[in-house]
């Protein structure tokens, strides 16, 4: 006859198995997240560069408009 202690041990073994699977899934998730963060760094750099170019062009257009207005 199975005692309460045996049932508890079986349940704990089952939980340990689930935790091992969850830990592997977490490691894989962390790895994928780090890869995506590295890719986003490149996107952020590109966005900053494009924003700088747009600001420069807007400034140049503004200066051109002022020169033509006072001419």
Protein backbone atom coordinates (compact mmCIF):
# COMPACT_ATOMS: atom_id res chain seq x y z
CA UNK A 1 0.00 0.00 0.00
CA UNK A 2 1.28 3.41 -1.00
CA UNK A 3 1.80 5.85 1.83
CA UNK A 4 1.30 9.60 1.80
CA UNK A 5 5.07 10.03 1.77
CA UNK A 6 5.36 7.94 -1.40
CA UNK A 7 2.67 10.05 -3.09
CA UNK A 8 4.45 13.24 -2.08
CA UNK A 9 7.75 11.91 -3.46
CA UNK A 10 6.10 11.01 -6.77
CA UNK A 11 4.53 14.44 -6.99
CA UNK A 12 7.86 16.15 -6.24
CA UNK A 13 9.58 14.05 -8.91
CA UNK A 14 6.93 15.11 -11.40
CA UNK A 15 7.41 18.77 -10.46
CA UNK A 16 11.20 18.42 -10.82
CA UNK A 17 10.70 17.07 -14.34
CA UNK A 18 8.50 19.99 -15.27
CA UNK A 19 10.98 22.47 -13.81
CA UNK A 20 13.79 20.98 -15.89
CA UNK A 21 11.73 21.45 -19.06
CA UNK A 22 10.79 25.01 -18.07
CA UNK A 23 14.43 25.88 -17.39
CA UNK A 24 15.44 24.70 -20.87
CA UNK A 25 12.62 26.71 -22.42
CA UNK A 26 13.68 29.76 -20.41
CA UNK A 27 17.30 29.43 -21.60
CA UNK A 28 16.10 29.27 -25.21
CA UNK A 29 13.84 32.29 -24.67
CA UNK A 30 16.69 34.31 -23.16
CA UNK A 31 18.95 33.42 -26.10
CA UNK A 32 16.31 34.52 -28.64
CA UNK A 33 15.66 37.72 -26.72
CA UNK A 34 19.35 38.60 -26.71
CA UNK A 35 19.54 38.02 -30.49
CA UNK A 36 16.54 40.28 -31.07
CA UNK A 37 18.02 42.98 -28.84
CA UNK A 38 21.23 42.90 -30.87
CA UNK A 39 19.24 43.30 -34.09
CA UNK A 40 17.31 46.19 -32.58
CA UNK A 41 20.57 48.01 -31.83
CA UNK A 42 21.22 48.13 -35.59
CA UNK A 43 17.70 49.41 -36.23
CA UNK A 44 18.04 52.08 -33.56
CA UNK A 45 21.33 53.26 -35.08
CA UNK A 46 19.73 53.45 -38.52
CA UNK A 47 16.71 55.38 -37.21
CA UNK A 48 18.98 57.92 -35.47
CA UNK A 49 20.99 58.36 -38.67
CA UNK A 50 17.87 58.91 -40.80
CA UNK A 51 16.46 61.36 -38.24
CA UNK A 52 19.73 63.32 -38.40
CA UNK A 53 19.59 63.46 -42.20
CA UNK A 54 15.96 64.61 -42.14
CA UNK A 55 16.75 67.35 -39.61
CA UNK A 56 19.67 68.50 -41.75
CA UNK A 57 17.51 68.60 -44.89
CA UNK A 58 14.74 70.48 -43.06
CA UNK A 59 17.27 73.02 -41.83
CA UNK A 60 18.74 73.43 -45.30
CA UNK A 61 15.24 73.87 -46.75
CA UNK A 62 14.43 76.47 -44.10
CA UNK A 63 17.59 78.42 -44.80
CA UNK A 64 16.92 78.26 -48.54
CA UNK A 65 13.39 79.56 -47.99
CA UNK A 66 14.72 82.45 -45.87
CA UNK A 67 17.31 83.41 -48.48
CA UNK A 68 14.72 83.37 -51.25
CA UNK A 69 12.28 85.38 -49.13
CA UNK A 70 14.79 88.18 -48.44
CA UNK A 71 16.16 88.27 -51.96
